[in-house]
Amino acid sequence: MAKLYFYYASMNAGKSTTLLQADFNYRERGMETMLWTAALDDRAGIGAIASRIGLRTGARLYDARTDIRHEVEEELKKRPLHCILVDEAQFLSRAHVVQLCSICDELDIPVLAYGLRTDFQANLFEGSANLLALADSLVELKGICHCGRKATMNLRVDAEGNAVAEGASVEVGGNERYVSLCRRHFMDKLAEGSGEQLRLALTRAAAGEIE
């Protein structure tokens, strides 16, 4: 029986590279694949998956309205499918993850999903939470913190490189907006960011009182 795999990691751990290598391995053996990525993530361009080492390929886009199961069934009318690969899987909804489960269980097609586990506040994304709960296999891809420990957290930074402790959970960005850290250094930097934002807020409030 086909299985649902969730490959998770921090930023810059090679998730997209691993996905593209898996896709190549299938196609090298004459098998057909179907690739998906989140519509809201356009860092690699619209409808594309790209890695930091230069690999790139086209992909279908999913958003909140997409019925992935239906799209797969429609594609099966045109060609066989041997694997479904999903990038930026943290942006999946619970409904999407249930659809991926049904693709494995009822259509007998393996699904490989790749994404972040947590956001910049160390909270699980909806897609990741449901994949952790429902996937048949969980695989952690290793990233490295500047201290040499395993990087498991994603720190959001501002234009000056200061840690950001508040804001919307979803804010698409690359190396210039996020830093991968171990838990210890993430907590240290997050505390610094909270203190700095409080200081700025107090400064602005004081300036308003003076005016």
N, C-alpha and C. Protein backbone atom coordinates (compact mmCIF):
# COMPACT_ATOMS: atom_id res chain seq x y z
N MET A 1 0.84 -1.20 0.00
CA MET A 1 0.00 0.00 0.00
C MET A 1 0.87 1.24 0.00
N ALA A 2 0.45 2.25 -0.75
CA ALA A 2 1.20 3.51 -0.83
C ALA A 2 1.17 4.22 0.52
N LYS A 3 2.18 5.04 0.78
CA LYS A 3 2.29 5.75 2.05
C LYS A 3 2.43 7.25 1.84
N LEU A 4 2.07 7.99 2.90
CA LEU A 4 2.26 9.44 2.94
C LEU A 4 3.49 9.72 3.79
N TYR A 5 4.48 10.37 3.18
CA TYR A 5 5.73 10.70 3.86
C TYR A 5 5.79 12.20 4.10
N PHE A 6 6.22 12.60 5.30
CA PHE A 6 6.43 14.02 5.59
C PHE A 6 7.89 14.24 5.95
N TYR A 7 8.58 14.98 5.09
CA TYR A 7 9.96 15.37 5.32
C TYR A 7 9.95 16.80 5.84
N TYR A 8 10.38 16.99 7.09
CA TYR A 8 10.31 18.32 7.69
C TYR A 8 11.69 18.77 8.17
N ALA A 9 11.85 20.09 8.24
CA ALA A 9 13.15 20.64 8.65
C ALA A 9 13.00 22.13 8.88
N SER A 10 14.09 22.75 9.30
CA SER A 10 14.15 24.21 9.40
C SER A 10 14.43 24.78 8.01
N MET A 11 14.48 26.10 7.92
CA MET A 11 14.85 26.74 6.66
C MET A 11 16.26 26.32 6.25
N ASN A 12 16.49 26.26 4.95
CA ASN A 12 17.83 26.03 4.39
C ASN A 12 18.43 24.67 4.75
N ALA A 13 17.57 23.68 4.97
CA ALA A 13 18.07 22.33 5.27
C ALA A 13 18.06 21.43 4.04
N GLY A 14 17.65 21.97 2.89
CA GLY A 14 17.68 21.18 1.66
C GLY A 14 16.40 20.45 1.33
N LYS A 15 15.25 20.95 1.81
CA LYS A 15 13.98 20.27 1.54
C LYS A 15 13.66 20.23 0.05
N SER A 16 13.75 21.39 -0.61
CA SER A 16 13.44 21.43 -2.04
C SER A 16 14.45 20.63 -2.86
N THR A 17 15.71 20.67 -2.44
CA THR A 17 16.73 19.88 -3.13
C THR A 17 16.41 18.39 -3.04
N THR A 18 16.01 17.95 -1.85
CA THR A 18 15.66 16.54 -1.64
C THR A 18 14.45 16.15 -2.47
N LEU A 19 13.46 17.05 -2.54
CA LEU A 19 12.27 16.79 -3.36
C LEU A 19 12.64 16.64 -4.83
N LEU A 20 13.45 17.56 -5.33
CA LEU A 20 13.83 17.53 -6.75
C LEU A 20 14.67 16.30 -7.07
N GLN A 21 15.49 15.86 -6.13
CA GLN A 21 16.26 14.64 -6.34
C GLN A 21 15.34 13.42 -6.39
N ALA A 22 14.33 13.39 -5.50
CA ALA A 22 13.37 12.28 -5.52
C ALA A 22 12.60 12.26 -6.84
N ASP A 23 12.20 13.44 -7.30
CA ASP A 23 11.50 13.54 -8.58
C ASP A 23 12.37 13.02 -9.72
N PHE A 24 13.64 13.40 -9.72
CA PHE A 24 14.57 12.93 -10.75
C PHE A 24 14.71 11.41 -10.71
N ASN A 25 14.79 10.86 -9.50
CA ASN A 25 14.96 9.40 -9.37
C ASN A 25 13.77 8.66 -9.98
N TYR A 26 12.56 9.16 -9.74
CA TYR A 26 11.38 8.53 -10.34
C TYR A 26 11.41 8.63 -11.86
N ARG A 27 11.66 9.84 -12.35
CA ARG A 27 11.61 10.05 -13.80
C ARG A 27 12.73 9.32 -14.53
N GLU A 28 13.89 9.17 -13.85
CA GLU A 28 15.01 8.45 -14.46
C GLU A 28 14.63 6.99 -14.74
N ARG A 29 13.70 6.47 -13.94
CA ARG A 29 13.26 5.09 -14.10
C ARG A 29 11.99 4.98 -14.96
N GLY A 30 11.68 6.06 -15.66
CA GLY A 30 10.54 6.04 -16.56
C GLY A 30 9.19 6.19 -15.89
N MET A 31 9.19 6.64 -14.63
CA MET A 31 7.94 6.80 -13.89
C MET A 31 7.43 8.24 -13.98
N GLU A 32 6.13 8.39 -13.82
CA GLU A 32 5.48 9.70 -13.93
C GLU A 32 5.23 10.29 -12.55
N THR A 33 5.51 11.59 -12.41
CA THR A 33 5.30 12.28 -11.14
C THR A 33 4.40 13.49 -11.36
N MET A 34 3.87 13.99 -10.24
CA MET A 34 3.07 15.22 -10.25
C MET A 34 3.55 16.07 -9.09
N LEU A 35 4.00 17.29 -9.37
CA LEU A 35 4.58 18.16 -8.37
C LEU A 35 3.63 19.30 -8.02
N TRP A 36 3.61 19.65 -6.73
CA TRP A 36 2.77 20.74 -6.23
C TRP A 36 3.59 21.68 -5.36
N THR A 37 3.21 22.97 -5.37
CA THR A 37 3.79 23.92 -4.43
C THR A 37 2.74 24.97 -4.08
N ALA A 38 2.96 25.69 -3.00
CA ALA A 38 1.98 26.66 -2.52
C ALA A 38 1.90 27.89 -3.43
N ALA A 39 0.68 28.32 -3.74
CA ALA A 39 0.50 29.49 -4.61
C ALA A 39 1.05 30.76 -3.98
N LEU A 40 1.03 30.84 -2.65
CA LEU A 40 1.47 32.08 -2.00
C LEU A 40 2.99 32.22 -1.94
N ASP A 41 3.72 31.15 -2.22
CA ASP A 41 5.19 31.22 -2.19
C ASP A 41 5.71 31.36 -3.62
N ASP A 42 6.08 32.59 -3.98
CA ASP A 42 6.54 32.85 -5.35
C ASP A 42 8.02 33.18 -5.41
N ARG A 43 8.78 32.77 -4.40
CA ARG A 43 10.22 33.08 -4.39
C ARG A 43 10.93 32.50 -5.60
N ALA A 44 10.50 31.33 -6.06
CA ALA A 44 11.14 30.69 -7.22
C ALA A 44 10.43 31.04 -8.52
N GLY A 45 9.43 31.95 -8.44
CA GLY A 45 8.61 32.26 -9.59
C GLY A 45 7.29 31.52 -9.49
N ILE A 46 6.31 31.95 -10.26
CA ILE A 46 4.99 31.34 -10.20
C ILE A 46 5.04 29.92 -10.79
N GLY A 47 4.55 28.97 -10.00
CA GLY A 47 4.47 27.59 -10.49
C GLY A 47 5.82 26.93 -10.68
N ALA A 48 6.73 27.15 -9.74
CA ALA A 48 8.07 26.56 -9.86
C ALA A 48 8.59 26.14 -8.49
N ILE A 49 9.40 25.10 -8.48
CA ILE A 49 10.13 24.67 -7.29
C ILE A 49 11.61 24.81 -7.61
N ALA A 50 12.35 25.49 -6.76
CA ALA A 50 13.78 25.70 -7.00
C ALA A 50 14.55 25.47 -5.71
N SER A 51 15.78 25.01 -5.85
CA SER A 51 16.65 24.78 -4.69
C SER A 51 17.77 25.80 -4.69
N ARG A 52 18.43 25.92 -3.55
CA ARG A 52 19.53 26.88 -3.42
C ARG A 52 20.74 26.49 -4.24
N ILE A 53 20.82 25.23 -4.67
CA ILE A 53 21.99 24.79 -5.46
C ILE A 53 21.73 24.87 -6.96
N GLY A 54 20.59 25.48 -7.34
CA GLY A 54 20.36 25.75 -8.75
C GLY A 54 19.39 24.83 -9.47
N LEU A 55 18.88 23.78 -8.82
CA LEU A 55 17.90 22.90 -9.44
C LEU A 55 16.54 23.60 -9.51
N ARG A 56 15.78 23.33 -10.56
CA ARG A 56 14.51 24.02 -10.74
C ARG A 56 13.61 23.20 -11.66
N THR A 57 12.30 23.21 -11.36
CA THR A 57 11.33 22.55 -12.24
C THR A 57 9.96 23.16 -12.03
N GLY A 58 9.05 22.91 -12.94
CA GLY A 58 7.70 23.43 -12.83
C GLY A 58 6.85 22.61 -11.88
N ALA A 59 5.80 23.23 -11.36
CA ALA A 59 4.90 22.54 -10.43
C ALA A 59 3.52 23.17 -10.50
N ARG A 60 2.52 22.40 -10.14
CA ARG A 60 1.17 22.93 -10.03
C ARG A 60 1.05 23.71 -8.72
N LEU A 61 0.11 24.65 -8.71
CA LEU A 61 -0.10 25.49 -7.53
C LEU A 61 -1.33 25.04 -6.76
N TYR A 62 -1.24 25.07 -5.44
CA TYR A 62 -2.42 24.82 -4.63
C TYR A 62 -2.67 26.02 -3.72
N ASP A 63 -3.93 26.30 -3.48
CA ASP A 63 -4.34 27.29 -2.49
C ASP A 63 -5.49 26.71 -1.70
N ALA A 64 -6.15 27.53 -0.91
CA ALA A 64 -7.20 27.03 -0.03
C ALA A 64 -8.36 26.38 -0.80
N ARG A 65 -8.54 26.78 -2.06
CA ARG A 65 -9.68 26.26 -2.84
C ARG A 65 -9.35 24.99 -3.62
N THR A 66 -8.10 24.61 -3.66
CA THR A 66 -7.68 23.49 -4.50
C THR A 66 -8.09 22.14 -3.90
N ASP A 67 -8.68 21.31 -4.73
CA ASP A 67 -8.98 19.92 -4.36
C ASP A 67 -7.91 19.05 -5.01
N ILE A 68 -6.86 18.76 -4.26
CA ILE A 68 -5.72 18.03 -4.82
C ILE A 68 -6.14 16.64 -5.28
N ARG A 69 -6.98 15.98 -4.50
CA ARG A 69 -7.45 14.63 -4.87
C ARG A 69 -8.14 14.67 -6.24
N HIS A 70 -9.02 15.65 -6.44
CA HIS A 70 -9.73 15.77 -7.72
C HIS A 70 -8.76 16.02 -8.86
N GLU A 71 -7.79 16.90 -8.64
CA GLU A 71 -6.81 17.22 -9.69
C GLU A 71 -5.98 15.98 -10.06
N VAL A 72 -5.65 15.19 -9.07
CA VAL A 72 -4.90 13.95 -9.34
C VAL A 72 -5.75 12.99 -10.15
N GLU A 73 -7.01 12.85 -9.79
CA GLU A 73 -7.91 11.95 -10.54
C GLU A 73 -8.05 12.40 -11.99
N GLU A 74 -8.13 13.71 -12.21
CA GLU A 74 -8.22 14.23 -13.58
C GLU A 74 -6.94 13.94 -14.35
N GLU A 75 -5.80 14.06 -13.69
CA GLU A 75 -4.52 13.80 -14.35
C GLU A 75 -4.37 12.33 -14.70
N LEU A 76 -4.93 11.46 -13.87
CA LEU A 76 -4.85 10.02 -14.12
C LEU A 76 -5.60 9.61 -15.39
N LYS A 77 -6.52 10.45 -15.84
CA LYS A 77 -7.22 10.17 -17.09
C LYS A 77 -6.31 10.37 -18.30
N LYS A 78 -5.22 11.12 -18.08
CA LYS A 78 -4.29 11.45 -19.17
C LYS A 78 -3.03 10.60 -19.15
N ARG A 79 -2.59 10.21 -17.95
CA ARG A 79 -1.33 9.48 -17.82
C ARG A 79 -1.29 8.78 -16.47
N PRO A 80 -0.46 7.75 -16.34
CA PRO A 80 -0.29 7.11 -15.02
C PRO A 80 0.52 8.03 -14.11
N LEU A 81 0.33 7.90 -12.82
CA LEU A 81 1.12 8.65 -11.85
C LEU A 81 1.71 7.68 -10.84
N HIS A 82 3.00 7.80 -10.61
CA HIS A 82 3.68 6.89 -9.69
C HIS A 82 4.07 7.56 -8.38
N CYS A 83 4.01 8.90 -8.34
CA CYS A 83 4.33 9.60 -7.09
C CYS A 83 3.83 11.04 -7.16
N ILE A 84 3.32 11.54 -6.03
CA ILE A 84 2.92 12.94 -5.88
C ILE A 84 3.92 13.59 -4.92
N LEU A 85 4.50 14.73 -5.32
CA LEU A 85 5.47 15.42 -4.47
C LEU A 85 4.96 16.82 -4.17
N VAL A 86 4.97 17.20 -2.90
CA VAL A 86 4.41 18.49 -2.46
C VAL A 86 5.47 19.29 -1.74
N ASP A 87 5.79 20.47 -2.27
CA ASP A 87 6.73 21.38 -1.62
C ASP A 87 5.96 22.41 -0.79
N GLU A 88 6.63 23.04 0.18
CA GLU A 88 6.01 24.03 1.06
C GLU A 88 4.76 23.46 1.72
N ALA A 89 4.87 22.24 2.20
CA ALA A 89 3.70 21.52 2.73
C ALA A 89 3.16 22.12 4.02
N GLN A 90 3.92 23.00 4.66
CA GLN A 90 3.41 23.65 5.88
C GLN A 90 2.17 24.50 5.57
N PHE A 91 1.99 24.90 4.31
CA PHE A 91 0.86 25.74 3.94
C PHE A 91 -0.38 24.94 3.55
N LEU A 92 -0.31 23.63 3.62
CA LEU A 92 -1.49 22.81 3.37
C LEU A 92 -2.54 23.02 4.46
N SER A 93 -3.80 22.86 4.11
CA SER A 93 -4.86 22.87 5.11
C SER A 93 -5.10 21.44 5.59
N ARG A 94 -5.90 21.29 6.62
CA ARG A 94 -6.24 19.93 7.06
C ARG A 94 -6.95 19.18 5.94
N ALA A 95 -7.83 19.87 5.22
CA ALA A 95 -8.54 19.22 4.12
C ALA A 95 -7.57 18.71 3.07
N HIS A 96 -6.54 19.50 2.77
CA HIS A 96 -5.53 19.05 1.81
C HIS A 96 -4.84 17.77 2.28
N VAL A 97 -4.47 17.75 3.56
CA VAL A 97 -3.76 16.58 4.09
C VAL A 97 -4.65 15.35 4.04
N VAL A 98 -5.93 15.51 4.35
CA VAL A 98 -6.87 14.39 4.24
C VAL A 98 -6.96 13.92 2.80
N GLN A 99 -6.94 14.85 1.85
CA GLN A 99 -6.94 14.49 0.43
C GLN A 99 -5.69 13.68 0.07
N LEU A 100 -4.55 14.10 0.60
CA LEU A 100 -3.30 13.37 0.33
C LEU A 100 -3.38 11.95 0.89
N CYS A 101 -3.99 11.82 2.07
CA CYS A 101 -4.17 10.49 2.66
C CYS A 101 -5.03 9.61 1.75
N SER A 102 -6.08 10.19 1.20
CA SER A 102 -6.98 9.41 0.34
C SER A 102 -6.29 9.02 -0.97
N ILE A 103 -5.37 9.87 -1.44
CA ILE A 103 -4.61 9.53 -2.65
C ILE A 103 -3.77 8.28 -2.40
N CYS A 104 -3.18 8.20 -1.21
CA CYS A 104 -2.41 7.00 -0.85
C CYS A 104 -3.31 5.80 -0.65
N ASP A 105 -4.34 5.97 0.16
CA ASP A 105 -5.16 4.83 0.59
C ASP A 105 -6.08 4.30 -0.50
N GLU A 106 -6.63 5.19 -1.32
CA GLU A 106 -7.64 4.78 -2.29
C GLU A 106 -7.11 4.71 -3.72
N LEU A 107 -6.15 5.56 -4.06
CA LEU A 107 -5.58 5.54 -5.41
C LEU A 107 -4.25 4.79 -5.45
N ASP A 108 -3.73 4.45 -4.28
CA ASP A 108 -2.48 3.69 -4.16
C ASP A 108 -1.29 4.39 -4.83
N ILE A 109 -1.21 5.71 -4.61
CA ILE A 109 -0.09 6.50 -5.13
C ILE A 109 0.65 7.10 -3.93
N PRO A 110 1.96 6.86 -3.80
CA PRO A 110 2.70 7.45 -2.69
C PRO A 110 2.77 8.97 -2.79
N VAL A 111 2.75 9.62 -1.64
CA VAL A 111 2.84 11.08 -1.58
C VAL A 111 4.02 11.46 -0.70
N LEU A 112 4.89 12.33 -1.23
CA LEU A 112 6.05 12.83 -0.49
C LEU A 112 5.85 14.32 -0.27
N ALA A 113 5.68 14.74 0.99
CA ALA A 113 5.45 16.14 1.33
C ALA A 113 6.66 16.69 2.06
N TYR A 114 7.05 17.92 1.72
CA TYR A 114 8.24 18.54 2.28
C TYR A 114 7.88 19.92 2.82
N GLY A 115 8.27 20.22 4.06
CA GLY A 115 7.93 21.53 4.59
C GLY A 115 8.55 21.82 5.93
N LEU A 116 8.29 23.03 6.41
CA LEU A 116 8.72 23.44 7.73
C LEU A 116 7.82 22.81 8.79
N ARG A 117 8.36 22.60 9.96
CA ARG A 117 7.55 22.09 11.06
C ARG A 117 6.87 23.24 11.80
N THR A 118 7.62 24.28 12.15
CA THR A 118 7.10 25.38 12.96
C THR A 118 7.37 26.74 12.33
N ASP A 119 6.61 27.74 12.77
CA ASP A 119 6.80 29.10 12.28
C ASP A 119 7.84 29.84 13.12
N PHE A 120 7.96 31.15 12.95
CA PHE A 120 9.02 31.92 13.62
C PHE A 120 8.77 32.09 15.11
N GLN A 121 7.58 31.70 15.58
CA GLN A 121 7.27 31.74 17.01
C GLN A 121 7.26 30.33 17.61
N ALA A 122 7.76 29.37 16.86
CA ALA A 122 7.83 27.96 17.29
C ALA A 122 6.45 27.33 17.44
N ASN A 123 5.48 27.82 16.67
CA ASN A 123 4.15 27.21 16.63
C ASN A 123 4.03 26.35 15.37
N LEU A 124 3.35 25.23 15.49
CA LEU A 124 3.15 24.36 14.33
C LEU A 124 2.28 25.05 13.28
N PHE A 125 2.67 24.92 12.02
CA PHE A 125 1.80 25.32 10.93
C PHE A 125 0.63 24.33 10.84
N GLU A 126 -0.48 24.76 10.25
CA GLU A 126 -1.63 23.86 10.11
C GLU A 126 -1.27 22.63 9.29
N GLY A 127 -0.61 22.84 8.17
CA GLY A 127 -0.24 21.70 7.34
C GLY A 127 0.69 20.74 8.04
N SER A 128 1.68 21.29 8.72
CA SER A 128 2.66 20.46 9.41
C SER A 128 2.03 19.69 10.56
N ALA A 129 1.16 20.36 11.31
CA ALA A 129 0.50 19.69 12.44
C ALA A 129 -0.31 18.48 11.96
N ASN A 130 -1.01 18.65 10.86
CA ASN A 130 -1.83 17.55 10.34
C ASN A 130 -1.00 16.46 9.68
N LEU A 131 0.10 16.84 9.06
CA LEU A 131 1.00 15.83 8.50
C LEU A 131 1.67 15.03 9.61
N LEU A 132 2.07 15.71 10.68
CA LEU A 132 2.67 15.00 11.81
C LEU A 132 1.68 14.01 12.42
N ALA A 133 0.40 14.36 12.37
CA ALA A 133 -0.63 13.49 12.95
C ALA A 133 -1.02 12.34 12.02
N LEU A 134 -0.99 12.57 10.70
CA LEU A 134 -1.58 11.61 9.78
C LEU A 134 -0.60 10.89 8.86
N ALA A 135 0.60 11.40 8.70
CA ALA A 135 1.55 10.76 7.78
C ALA A 135 1.97 9.38 8.28
N ASP A 136 2.24 8.49 7.34
CA ASP A 136 2.72 7.15 7.68
C ASP A 136 4.18 7.17 8.12
N SER A 137 4.94 8.09 7.55
CA SER A 137 6.37 8.15 7.85
C SER A 137 6.81 9.59 8.03
N LEU A 138 7.55 9.86 9.10
CA LEU A 138 8.08 11.19 9.40
C LEU A 138 9.59 11.15 9.29
N VAL A 139 10.15 12.07 8.49
CA VAL A 139 11.59 12.10 8.27
C VAL A 139 12.10 13.51 8.53
N GLU A 140 13.01 13.65 9.48
CA GLU A 140 13.60 14.97 9.76
C GLU A 140 14.86 15.16 8.92
N LEU A 141 14.89 16.25 8.16
CA LEU A 141 16.08 16.63 7.41
C LEU A 141 16.90 17.58 8.28
N LYS A 142 18.19 17.38 8.31
CA LYS A 142 19.03 18.11 9.26
C LYS A 142 19.57 19.42 8.68
N GLY A 143 19.34 20.51 9.43
CA GLY A 143 19.96 21.79 9.16
C GLY A 143 20.97 22.07 10.26
N ILE A 144 21.84 23.04 10.05
CA ILE A 144 22.91 23.32 11.01
C ILE A 144 22.83 24.76 11.50
N CYS A 145 22.83 24.94 12.82
CA CYS A 145 22.91 26.25 13.46
C CYS A 145 24.34 26.77 13.35
N HIS A 146 24.52 28.07 13.54
CA HIS A 146 25.88 28.64 13.46
C HIS A 146 26.81 28.08 14.53
N CYS A 147 26.23 27.49 15.59
CA CYS A 147 27.06 26.93 16.66
C CYS A 147 27.47 25.49 16.36
N GLY A 148 26.92 24.92 15.30
CA GLY A 148 27.24 23.54 14.95
C GLY A 148 26.20 22.54 15.37
N ARG A 149 25.26 22.94 16.24
CA ARG A 149 24.18 22.04 16.63
C ARG A 149 23.14 21.93 15.51
N LYS A 150 22.25 20.96 15.66
CA LYS A 150 21.17 20.80 14.69
C LYS A 150 20.23 22.00 14.76
N ALA A 151 19.92 22.59 13.62
CA ALA A 151 18.98 23.71 13.56
C ALA A 151 17.56 23.16 13.43
N THR A 152 16.71 23.53 14.37
CA THR A 152 15.33 23.05 14.36
C THR A 152 14.32 24.20 14.34
N MET A 153 14.78 25.45 14.49
CA MET A 153 13.90 26.60 14.62
C MET A 153 14.17 27.61 13.51
N ASN A 154 13.14 28.43 13.24
CA ASN A 154 13.24 29.45 12.18
C ASN A 154 13.03 30.83 12.79
N LEU A 155 14.07 31.62 12.85
CA LEU A 155 14.00 32.96 13.43
C LEU A 155 13.74 33.98 12.33
N ARG A 156 12.70 34.80 12.51
CA ARG A 156 12.43 35.89 11.56
C ARG A 156 13.21 37.13 12.00
N VAL A 157 13.82 37.81 11.05
CA VAL A 157 14.59 39.01 11.35
C VAL A 157 14.08 40.17 10.51
N ASP A 158 14.34 41.40 11.00
CA ASP A 158 13.95 42.59 10.25
C ASP A 158 15.08 43.04 9.33
N ALA A 159 14.92 44.20 8.71
CA ALA A 159 15.91 44.69 7.74
C ALA A 159 17.27 44.93 8.37
N GLU A 160 17.29 45.18 9.68
CA GLU A 160 18.57 45.41 10.38
C GLU A 160 19.15 44.13 10.96
N GLY A 161 18.46 43.02 10.76
CA GLY A 161 18.95 41.75 11.28
C GLY A 161 18.54 41.46 12.71
N ASN A 162 17.62 42.27 13.26
CA ASN A 162 17.13 42.04 14.61
C ASN A 162 16.01 41.01 14.62
N ALA A 163 15.96 40.21 15.67
CA ALA A 163 14.92 39.19 15.78
C ALA A 163 13.54 39.82 15.88
N VAL A 164 12.57 39.21 15.20
CA VAL A 164 11.18 39.66 15.24
C VAL A 164 10.38 38.66 16.06
N ALA A 165 9.72 39.15 17.11
CA ALA A 165 9.01 38.26 18.02
C ALA A 165 7.51 38.25 17.78
N GLU A 166 6.98 39.20 17.00
CA GLU A 166 5.55 39.29 16.78
C GLU A 166 5.26 39.47 15.29
N GLY A 167 4.01 39.18 14.91
CA GLY A 167 3.62 39.36 13.51
C GLY A 167 2.82 38.18 13.00
N ALA A 168 2.42 38.27 11.73
CA ALA A 168 1.64 37.20 11.11
C ALA A 168 2.48 35.94 10.98
N SER A 169 1.83 34.79 11.14
CA SER A 169 2.55 33.52 11.05
C SER A 169 3.14 33.29 9.67
N VAL A 170 2.38 33.68 8.63
CA VAL A 170 2.83 33.46 7.25
C VAL A 170 3.38 34.75 6.67
N GLU A 171 4.64 34.76 6.37
CA GLU A 171 5.30 35.87 5.68
C GLU A 171 6.40 35.26 4.85
N VAL A 172 6.17 35.16 3.56
CA VAL A 172 7.11 34.46 2.69
C VAL A 172 8.40 35.25 2.55
N GLY A 173 9.51 34.56 2.73
CA GLY A 173 10.81 35.19 2.58
C GLY A 173 11.90 34.14 2.55
N GLY A 174 13.07 34.53 2.17
CA GLY A 174 14.18 33.59 2.06
C GLY A 174 15.26 33.87 3.07
N ASN A 175 16.51 33.75 2.63
CA ASN A 175 17.64 33.88 3.54
C ASN A 175 17.68 35.24 4.22
N GLU A 176 17.16 36.29 3.55
CA GLU A 176 17.25 37.63 4.11
C GLU A 176 16.23 37.87 5.22
N ARG A 177 15.23 37.00 5.36
CA ARG A 177 14.18 37.20 6.36
C ARG A 177 14.19 36.17 7.48
N TYR A 178 14.87 35.06 7.28
CA TYR A 178 14.86 33.99 8.27
C TYR A 178 16.25 33.42 8.50
N VAL A 179 16.48 32.99 9.73
CA VAL A 179 17.74 32.36 10.11
C VAL A 179 17.42 31.05 10.82
N SER A 180 18.09 29.99 10.43
CA SER A 180 17.88 28.68 11.05
C SER A 180 18.79 28.55 12.27
N LEU A 181 18.20 28.20 13.41
CA LEU A 181 18.95 28.12 14.66
C LEU A 181 18.57 26.88 15.46
N CYS A 182 19.46 26.50 16.38
CA CYS A 182 19.11 25.47 17.36
C CYS A 182 18.15 26.11 18.37
N ARG A 183 17.50 25.30 19.20
CA ARG A 183 16.52 25.84 20.14
C ARG A 183 17.14 26.85 21.10
N ARG A 184 18.33 26.56 21.60
CA ARG A 184 18.97 27.45 22.58
C ARG A 184 19.17 28.85 22.00
N HIS A 185 19.77 28.94 20.83
CA HIS A 185 20.04 30.25 20.25
C HIS A 185 18.77 30.92 19.73
N PHE A 186 17.79 30.12 19.33
CA PHE A 186 16.50 30.68 18.94
C PHE A 186 15.84 31.38 20.13
N MET A 187 15.81 30.71 21.28
CA MET A 187 15.19 31.30 22.46
C MET A 187 15.93 32.55 22.91
N ASP A 188 17.25 32.52 22.85
CA ASP A 188 18.04 33.70 23.21
C ASP A 188 17.71 34.88 22.31
N LYS A 189 17.71 34.63 20.99
CA LYS A 189 17.45 35.71 20.03
C LYS A 189 16.01 36.20 20.12
N LEU A 190 15.07 35.30 20.36
CA LEU A 190 13.67 35.69 20.47
C LEU A 190 13.47 36.59 21.69
N ALA A 191 14.15 36.28 22.79
CA ALA A 191 14.07 37.12 23.98
C ALA A 191 14.65 38.50 23.71
N GLU A 192 15.76 38.53 22.99
CA GLU A 192 16.36 39.82 22.62
C GLU A 192 15.41 40.62 21.74
N GLY A 193 14.75 39.94 20.81
CA GLY A 193 13.81 40.62 19.92
C GLY A 193 12.63 41.19 20.67
N SER A 194 12.10 40.44 21.64
CA SER A 194 10.97 40.92 22.43
C SER A 194 11.37 42.15 23.23
N GLY A 195 12.57 42.12 23.80
CA GLY A 195 13.06 43.26 24.56
C GLY A 195 13.26 44.49 23.70
N GLU A 196 13.80 44.29 22.50
CA GLU A 196 14.04 45.41 21.60
C GLU A 196 12.73 46.02 21.12
N GLN A 197 11.75 45.18 20.80
CA GLN A 197 10.46 45.70 20.35
C GLN A 197 9.74 46.45 21.46
N LEU A 198 9.88 45.98 22.70
CA LEU A 198 9.29 46.68 23.83
C LEU A 198 9.96 48.04 24.01
N ARG A 199 11.29 48.08 23.88
CA ARG A 199 12.03 49.34 24.03
C ARG A 199 11.59 50.34 22.98
N LEU A 200 11.44 49.89 21.73
CA LEU A 200 11.02 50.78 20.65
C LEU A 200 9.60 51.29 20.88
N ALA A 201 8.72 50.40 21.36
CA ALA A 201 7.34 50.81 21.63
C ALA A 201 7.29 51.87 22.72
N LEU A 202 8.08 51.68 23.77
CA LEU A 202 8.12 52.66 24.86
C LEU A 202 8.70 53.99 24.38
N THR A 203 9.70 53.91 23.51
CA THR A 203 10.32 55.12 22.97
C THR A 203 9.32 55.90 22.13
N ARG A 204 8.56 55.19 21.30
CA ARG A 204 7.55 55.85 20.47
C ARG A 204 6.45 56.46 21.33
N ALA A 205 6.05 55.73 22.38
CA ALA A 205 5.01 56.23 23.27
C ALA A 205 5.48 57.50 23.98
N ALA A 206 6.73 57.48 24.43
CA ALA A 206 7.29 58.65 25.11
C ALA A 206 7.36 59.84 24.17
N ALA A 207 7.75 59.58 22.93
CA ALA A 207 7.85 60.65 21.93
C ALA A 207 6.47 61.25 21.68
N GLY A 208 5.43 60.41 21.68
CA GLY A 208 4.08 60.89 21.46
C GLY A 208 3.61 61.76 22.61
N GLU A 209 4.00 61.41 23.83
CA GLU A 209 3.62 62.20 25.00
C GLU A 209 4.28 63.57 24.95
N ILE A 210 5.55 63.60 24.49
CA ILE A 210 6.28 64.86 24.42
C ILE A 210 5.62 65.79 23.41
N GLU A 211 5.19 65.21 22.27
CA GLU A 211 4.53 66.00 21.25
C GLU A 211 3.20 66.55 21.77
